[in-house]
């Protein structure tokens, strides 16, 4: 399996519901380093997994929809704890939509999967992996 990973970051604010979250129940900010890994069994006709420039641009576009936002105010997330794990899935699903729409080029339709990892800090991160 071949893979490439591109990286960006996103800054959000949010709060959580539930005693398990302790002080994070209060509104707080988070800056995530975001890695998006694209996988495929065979390289495309150009010898690539996916065009790194297009992948970087599309990751930036997906993150732009979240960046500098209070997720508590976003209708898409009403009533949801926007945990790191949850956000990794949201980003992966939105990237998958971009792949299916052709935004990463026609050869990107040969991708078999995406994994998104959100690094909360240097000691904690969460990932979500999905098939395409």
C-alpha atoms as a PDB file:
ATOM      1  CA  UNK A   1       0.000   0.000   0.000  1.00  0.00           C
ATOM      2  CA  UNK A   2       1.345   3.419  -0.998  1.00  0.00           C
ATOM      3  CA  UNK A   3       0.617   6.541   1.053  1.00  0.00           C
ATOM      4  CA  UNK A   4       1.359  10.247   1.159  1.00  0.00           C
ATOM      5  CA  UNK A   5       0.627  12.592   4.037  1.00  0.00           C
ATOM      6  CA  UNK A   6       0.053  16.334   3.947  1.00  0.00           C
ATOM      7  CA  UNK A   7      -0.097  18.571   7.008  1.00  0.00           C
ATOM      8  CA  UNK A   8      -1.831  21.777   8.049  1.00  0.00           C
ATOM      9  CA  UNK A   9      -3.334  23.158  11.237  1.00  0.00           C
ATOM     10  CA  UNK A  10      -6.653  24.487  12.496  1.00  0.00           C
ATOM     11  CA  UNK A  11      -7.636  26.665  15.464  1.00  0.00           C
ATOM     12  CA  UNK A  12     -11.087  26.218  16.992  1.00  0.00           C
ATOM     13  CA  UNK A  13     -13.026  26.976  20.153  1.00  0.00           C
ATOM     14  CA  UNK A  14     -15.541  24.618  21.730  1.00  0.00           C
ATOM     15  CA  UNK A  15     -16.877  23.206  24.972  1.00  0.00           C
ATOM     16  CA  UNK A  16     -18.023  19.759  26.039  1.00  0.00           C
ATOM     17  CA  UNK A  17     -21.027  18.397  27.871  1.00  0.00           C
ATOM     18  CA  UNK A  18     -20.509  15.716  30.506  1.00  0.00           C
ATOM     19  CA  UNK A  19     -18.656  15.344  33.775  1.00  0.00           C
ATOM     20  CA  UNK A  20     -16.009  13.158  32.114  1.00  0.00           C
ATOM     21  CA  UNK A  21     -14.646  16.340  30.461  1.00  0.00           C
ATOM     22  CA  UNK A  22     -13.935  18.175  33.728  1.00  0.00           C
ATOM     23  CA  UNK A  23     -12.730  21.741  33.084  1.00  0.00           C
ATOM     24  CA  UNK A  24     -13.071  21.255  29.298  1.00  0.00           C
ATOM     25  CA  UNK A  25     -16.824  21.681  29.827  1.00  0.00           C
ATOM     26  CA  UNK A  26     -16.056  25.392  29.757  1.00  0.00           C
ATOM     27  CA  UNK A  27     -15.397  27.155  26.470  1.00  0.00           C
ATOM     28  CA  UNK A  28     -11.752  26.682  25.491  1.00  0.00           C
ATOM     29  CA  UNK A  29      -9.552  26.860  22.426  1.00  0.00           C
ATOM     30  CA  UNK A  30      -7.619  24.159  20.640  1.00  0.00           C
ATOM     31  CA  UNK A  31      -4.994  24.263  17.932  1.00  0.00           C
ATOM     32  CA  UNK A  32      -4.631  20.979  16.089  1.00  0.00           C
ATOM     33  CA  UNK A  33      -1.849  19.918  13.759  1.00  0.00           C
ATOM     34  CA  UNK A  34      -3.741  17.948  11.113  1.00  0.00           C
ATOM     35  CA  UNK A  35      -2.243  15.150   9.021  1.00  0.00           C
ATOM     36  CA  UNK A  36      -4.205  13.745   6.083  1.00  0.00           C
ATOM     37  CA  UNK A  37      -2.864  10.487   4.680  1.00  0.00           C
ATOM     38  CA  UNK A  38      -4.056   9.253   1.297  1.00  0.00           C
ATOM     39  CA  UNK A  39      -3.639   5.556   0.407  1.00  0.00           C
ATOM     40  CA  UNK A  40      -3.796   3.414  -2.707  1.00  0.00           C
ATOM     41  CA  UNK A  41      -2.608  -0.046  -3.716  1.00  0.00           C
ATOM     42  CA  UNK A  42      -0.970   1.022  -6.984  1.00  0.00           C
ATOM     43  CA  UNK A  43       0.493   4.315  -8.150  1.00  0.00           C
ATOM     44  CA  UNK A  44      -1.416   6.317 -10.742  1.00  0.00           C
ATOM     45  CA  UNK A  45      -0.154   6.633 -14.355  1.00  0.00           C
ATOM     46  CA  UNK A  46       2.092   9.538 -13.258  1.00  0.00           C
ATOM     47  CA  UNK A  47       3.707   7.429 -10.518  1.00  0.00           C
ATOM     48  CA  UNK A  48       1.856   9.236  -7.718  1.00  0.00           C
ATOM     49  CA  UNK A  49      -0.485   8.401  -4.873  1.00  0.00           C
ATOM     50  CA  UNK A  50      -2.131  11.799  -5.372  1.00  0.00           C
ATOM     51  CA  UNK A  51      -0.888  15.238  -6.371  1.00  0.00           C
ATOM     52  CA  UNK A  52       0.599  16.647  -3.149  1.00  0.00           C
ATOM     53  CA  UNK A  53      -0.218  20.222  -4.126  1.00  0.00           C
ATOM     54  CA  UNK A  54      -3.880  19.396  -4.732  1.00  0.00           C
ATOM     55  CA  UNK A  55      -4.063  17.345  -1.523  1.00  0.00           C
ATOM     56  CA  UNK A  56      -2.532  20.195   0.472  1.00  0.00           C
ATOM     57  CA  UNK A  57      -4.921  22.715  -1.068  1.00  0.00           C
ATOM     58  CA  UNK A  58      -8.006  20.604  -0.419  1.00  0.00           C
ATOM     59  CA  UNK A  59      -6.991  19.930   3.179  1.00  0.00           C
ATOM     60  CA  UNK A  60      -6.591  23.687   3.633  1.00  0.00           C
ATOM     61  CA  UNK A  61     -10.026  24.289   2.139  1.00  0.00           C
ATOM     62  CA  UNK A  62     -11.672  21.734   4.432  1.00  0.00           C
ATOM     63  CA  UNK A  63      -9.921  23.192   7.476  1.00  0.00           C
ATOM     64  CA  UNK A  64     -10.874  26.710   6.390  1.00  0.00           C
ATOM     65  CA  UNK A  65     -14.490  25.794   7.090  1.00  0.00           C
ATOM     66  CA  UNK A  66     -13.561  25.147  10.738  1.00  0.00           C
ATOM     67  CA  UNK A  67     -10.722  27.575  11.373  1.00  0.00           C
ATOM     68  CA  UNK A  68     -11.239  30.386  13.915  1.00  0.00           C
ATOM     69  CA  UNK A  69     -14.755  29.196  14.663  1.00  0.00           C
ATOM     70  CA  UNK A  70     -16.538  28.424  17.896  1.00  0.00           C
ATOM     71  CA  UNK A  71     -17.856  24.969  17.016  1.00  0.00           C
ATOM     72  CA  UNK A  72     -20.572  25.351  19.676  1.00  0.00           C
ATOM     73  CA  UNK A  73     -22.156  27.934  17.344  1.00  0.00           C
ATOM     74  CA  UNK A  74     -21.992  25.812  14.177  1.00  0.00           C
ATOM     75  CA  UNK A  75     -25.342  24.267  13.165  1.00  0.00           C
ATOM     76  CA  UNK A  76     -23.585  21.130  11.812  1.00  0.00           C
ATOM     77  CA  UNK A  77     -22.385  20.358  15.333  1.00  0.00           C
ATOM     78  CA  UNK A  78     -25.481  21.210  17.380  1.00  0.00           C
ATOM     79  CA  UNK A  79     -25.768  18.881  20.354  1.00  0.00           C
ATOM     80  CA  UNK A  80     -22.479  17.083  19.573  1.00  0.00           C
ATOM     81  CA  UNK A  81     -19.317  16.905  21.662  1.00  0.00           C
ATOM     82  CA  UNK A  82     -16.740  17.938  19.073  1.00  0.00           C
ATOM     83  CA  UNK A  83     -14.003  15.721  20.460  1.00  0.00           C
ATOM     84  CA  UNK A  84     -10.710  15.269  18.679  1.00  0.00           C
ATOM     85  CA  UNK A  85     -11.904  11.861  17.487  1.00  0.00           C
ATOM     86  CA  UNK A  86     -15.163  13.302  16.158  1.00  0.00           C
ATOM     87  CA  UNK A  87     -13.364  16.118  14.324  1.00  0.00           C
ATOM     88  CA  UNK A  88     -10.941  13.663  12.703  1.00  0.00           C
ATOM     89  CA  UNK A  89     -13.963  11.886  11.183  1.00  0.00           C
ATOM     90  CA  UNK A  90     -15.572  15.148  10.044  1.00  0.00           C
ATOM     91  CA  UNK A  91     -12.376  16.196   8.256  1.00  0.00           C
ATOM     92  CA  UNK A  92     -11.862  12.748   6.686  1.00  0.00           C
ATOM     93  CA  UNK A  93     -15.463  12.651   5.434  1.00  0.00           C
ATOM     94  CA  UNK A  94     -15.204  16.149   3.973  1.00  0.00           C
ATOM     95  CA  UNK A  95     -11.932  15.240   2.242  1.00  0.00           C
ATOM     96  CA  UNK A  96     -13.606  12.114   0.847  1.00  0.00           C
ATOM     97  CA  UNK A  97     -16.359  14.317  -0.592  1.00  0.00           C
ATOM     98  CA  UNK A  98     -13.660  16.400  -2.320  1.00  0.00           C
ATOM     99  CA  UNK A  99     -12.053  13.264  -3.750  1.00  0.00           C
ATOM    100  CA  UNK A 100     -15.410  12.009  -5.068  1.00  0.00           C
ATOM    101  CA  UNK A 101     -16.125  15.438  -6.587  1.00  0.00           C
ATOM    102  CA  UNK A 102     -12.836  15.281  -8.529  1.00  0.00           C
ATOM    103  CA  UNK A 103     -11.113  18.139  -6.676  1.00  0.00           C
ATOM    104  CA  UNK A 104      -7.900  16.111  -6.277  1.00  0.00           C
ATOM    105  CA  UNK A 105      -7.771  15.217  -9.956  1.00  0.00           C
ATOM    106  CA  UNK A 106      -9.198  12.390 -11.993  1.00  0.00           C
ATOM    107  CA  UNK A 107      -6.497   9.913 -10.947  1.00  0.00           C
ATOM    108  CA  UNK A 108      -7.392  10.470  -7.288  1.00  0.00           C
ATOM    109  CA  UNK A 109     -10.493   8.378  -7.912  1.00  0.00           C
ATOM    110  CA  UNK A 110      -8.097   5.413  -7.585  1.00  0.00           C
ATOM    111  CA  UNK A 111      -7.436   6.208  -3.922  1.00  0.00           C
ATOM    112  CA  UNK A 112      -8.527   3.471  -1.551  1.00  0.00           C
ATOM    113  CA  UNK A 113      -8.549   5.313   1.768  1.00  0.00           C
ATOM    114  CA  UNK A 114      -7.922   8.395   3.850  1.00  0.00           C
ATOM    115  CA  UNK A 115      -6.681   8.693   7.404  1.00  0.00           C
ATOM    116  CA  UNK A 116      -6.881  11.969   9.300  1.00  0.00           C
ATOM    117  CA  UNK A 117      -4.894  12.507  12.497  1.00  0.00           C
ATOM    118  CA  UNK A 118      -5.423  15.500  14.766  1.00  0.00           C
ATOM    119  CA  UNK A 119      -2.517  16.204  17.100  1.00  0.00           C
ATOM    120  CA  UNK A 120      -3.823  17.929  20.239  1.00  0.00           C
ATOM    121  CA  UNK A 121      -0.316  18.272  21.630  1.00  0.00           C
ATOM    122  CA  UNK A 122       3.077  16.622  21.450  1.00  0.00           C
ATOM    123  CA  UNK A 123       1.777  13.783  23.655  1.00  0.00           C
ATOM    124  CA  UNK A 124      -1.825  13.191  22.490  1.00  0.00           C
ATOM    125  CA  UNK A 125      -3.559  12.701  19.153  1.00  0.00           C
ATOM    126  CA  UNK A 126      -6.509  10.895  17.593  1.00  0.00           C
ATOM    127  CA  UNK A 127      -7.132   9.448  14.134  1.00  0.00           C
ATOM    128  CA  UNK A 128      -9.981   8.334  11.922  1.00  0.00           C
ATOM    129  CA  UNK A 129      -9.466   6.117   8.874  1.00  0.00           C
ATOM    130  CA  UNK A 130     -12.016   5.418   6.174  1.00  0.00           C
ATOM    131  CA  UNK A 131     -12.271   3.682   2.837  1.00  0.00           C
ATOM    132  CA  UNK A 132     -13.056   5.573  -0.338  1.00  0.00           C
END
